[in-house]
Amino acid sequence: MPRPTLVIITLPGGSQCRHIGFYAHVMDGVLRALALFPQARRISGRRA
């Protein structure tokens, strides 16, 4: 069952984007963020 997941994306300039989505696993949210932001310097995820 999907649960709320917080994904934080850090871009090369140092700015951060936060996204809360519903994913079965945290890794699903992280992989989606990686696909949407391939230039990201860092991507982290946790349950919201």
N, C-alpha and C. Protein backbone atom coordinates (compact mmCIF):
# COMPACT_ATOMS: atom_id res chain seq x y z
N MET A 1 0.85 -1.18 0.00
CA MET A 1 0.00 0.00 0.00
C MET A 1 0.89 1.25 0.00
N PRO A 2 0.65 2.19 -0.90
CA PRO A 2 1.46 3.41 -0.96
C PRO A 2 1.33 4.23 0.33
N ARG A 3 2.47 4.76 0.75
CA ARG A 3 2.51 5.62 1.93
C ARG A 3 3.21 6.93 1.57
N PRO A 4 2.94 8.01 2.31
CA PRO A 4 3.59 9.28 1.99
C PRO A 4 5.11 9.18 2.13
N THR A 5 5.80 9.73 1.15
CA THR A 5 7.25 9.70 1.11
C THR A 5 7.76 11.10 0.80
N LEU A 6 8.74 11.56 1.56
CA LEU A 6 9.37 12.86 1.32
C LEU A 6 10.66 12.62 0.55
N VAL A 7 10.79 13.28 -0.60
CA VAL A 7 12.01 13.19 -1.40
C VAL A 7 12.60 14.59 -1.48
N ILE A 8 13.88 14.71 -1.14
CA ILE A 8 14.58 16.00 -1.19
C ILE A 8 15.64 15.91 -2.28
N ILE A 9 15.58 16.85 -3.23
CA ILE A 9 16.50 16.88 -4.35
C ILE A 9 17.38 18.11 -4.20
N THR A 10 18.70 17.93 -4.22
CA THR A 10 19.64 19.05 -4.19
C THR A 10 20.22 19.21 -5.59
N LEU A 11 20.06 20.40 -6.15
CA LEU A 11 20.53 20.68 -7.50
C LEU A 11 21.97 21.19 -7.46
N PRO A 12 22.66 21.21 -8.61
CA PRO A 12 24.07 21.61 -8.62
C PRO A 12 24.33 22.99 -8.02
N GLY A 13 23.41 23.93 -8.15
CA GLY A 13 23.60 25.27 -7.59
C GLY A 13 23.40 25.34 -6.09
N GLY A 14 22.97 24.24 -5.47
CA GLY A 14 22.76 24.20 -4.03
C GLY A 14 21.31 24.37 -3.61
N SER A 15 20.43 24.73 -4.54
CA SER A 15 19.02 24.87 -4.18
C SER A 15 18.39 23.49 -3.99
N GLN A 16 17.37 23.44 -3.14
CA GLN A 16 16.71 22.18 -2.82
C GLN A 16 15.24 22.22 -3.22
N CYS A 17 14.75 21.09 -3.70
CA CYS A 17 13.33 20.89 -3.99
C CYS A 17 12.85 19.79 -3.05
N ARG A 18 11.66 19.96 -2.50
CA ARG A 18 11.06 18.93 -1.66
C ARG A 18 9.78 18.47 -2.33
N HIS A 19 9.59 17.17 -2.35
CA HIS A 19 8.40 16.59 -2.98
C HIS A 19 7.84 15.52 -2.05
N ILE A 20 6.55 15.58 -1.78
CA ILE A 20 5.88 14.52 -1.03
C ILE A 20 4.97 13.79 -1.99
N GLY A 21 5.17 12.49 -2.10
CA GLY A 21 4.36 11.66 -2.98
C GLY A 21 4.00 10.37 -2.28
N PHE A 22 3.14 9.59 -2.89
CA PHE A 22 2.72 8.31 -2.33
C PHE A 22 3.38 7.19 -3.11
N TYR A 23 4.24 6.43 -2.44
CA TYR A 23 4.99 5.34 -3.06
C TYR A 23 4.95 4.13 -2.15
N ALA A 24 5.00 2.94 -2.75
CA ALA A 24 5.02 1.71 -1.96
C ALA A 24 6.33 1.59 -1.19
N HIS A 25 7.43 2.04 -1.81
CA HIS A 25 8.75 1.99 -1.19
C HIS A 25 9.43 3.34 -1.38
N VAL A 26 10.26 3.72 -0.44
CA VAL A 26 11.00 4.98 -0.53
C VAL A 26 11.84 5.00 -1.81
N MET A 27 12.44 3.86 -2.14
CA MET A 27 13.31 3.79 -3.32
C MET A 27 12.54 4.13 -4.60
N ASP A 28 11.25 3.82 -4.67
CA ASP A 28 10.45 4.18 -5.85
C ASP A 28 10.43 5.69 -6.04
N GLY A 29 10.27 6.42 -4.96
CA GLY A 29 10.28 7.88 -5.02
C GLY A 29 11.63 8.43 -5.41
N VAL A 30 12.69 7.83 -4.87
CA VAL A 30 14.05 8.27 -5.19
C VAL A 30 14.36 8.01 -6.67
N LEU A 31 13.99 6.84 -7.17
CA LEU A 31 14.24 6.52 -8.58
C LEU A 31 13.45 7.44 -9.51
N ARG A 32 12.23 7.77 -9.12
CA ARG A 32 11.43 8.70 -9.94
C ARG A 32 12.09 10.08 -9.97
N ALA A 33 12.57 10.55 -8.82
CA ALA A 33 13.25 11.84 -8.77
C ALA A 33 14.52 11.81 -9.61
N LEU A 34 15.24 10.71 -9.59
CA LEU A 34 16.45 10.58 -10.40
C LEU A 34 16.12 10.67 -11.89
N ALA A 35 15.01 10.07 -12.29
CA ALA A 35 14.59 10.13 -13.70
C ALA A 35 14.18 11.56 -14.09
N LEU A 36 13.54 12.28 -13.17
CA LEU A 36 13.08 13.64 -13.46
C LEU A 36 14.19 14.69 -13.35
N PHE A 37 15.16 14.44 -12.47
CA PHE A 37 16.25 15.39 -12.22
C PHE A 37 17.61 14.70 -12.37
N PRO A 38 18.00 14.32 -13.59
CA PRO A 38 19.28 13.61 -13.76
C PRO A 38 20.49 14.46 -13.39
N GLN A 39 20.33 15.79 -13.36
CA GLN A 39 21.43 16.68 -13.02
C GLN A 39 21.58 16.86 -11.50
N ALA A 40 20.73 16.25 -10.71
CA ALA A 40 20.75 16.43 -9.25
C ALA A 40 22.09 16.00 -8.66
N ARG A 41 22.55 16.79 -7.71
CA ARG A 41 23.79 16.45 -7.01
C ARG A 41 23.53 15.44 -5.91
N ARG A 42 22.34 15.52 -5.31
CA ARG A 42 21.99 14.61 -4.21
C ARG A 42 20.48 14.41 -4.18
N ILE A 43 20.06 13.17 -3.91
CA ILE A 43 18.64 12.86 -3.75
C ILE A 43 18.51 11.99 -2.52
N SER A 44 17.63 12.39 -1.60
CA SER A 44 17.40 11.57 -0.41
C SER A 44 15.90 11.40 -0.22
N GLY A 45 15.52 10.31 0.42
CA GLY A 45 14.12 10.04 0.65
C GLY A 45 13.88 9.39 1.99
N ARG A 46 12.69 9.64 2.55
CA ARG A 46 12.28 9.01 3.81
C ARG A 46 10.77 9.06 3.89
N ARG A 47 10.21 8.29 4.79
CA ARG A 47 8.76 8.31 5.01
C ARG A 47 8.38 9.66 5.60
N ALA A 48 7.30 10.23 5.11
CA ALA A 48 6.86 11.54 5.60
C ALA A 48 5.99 11.38 6.83
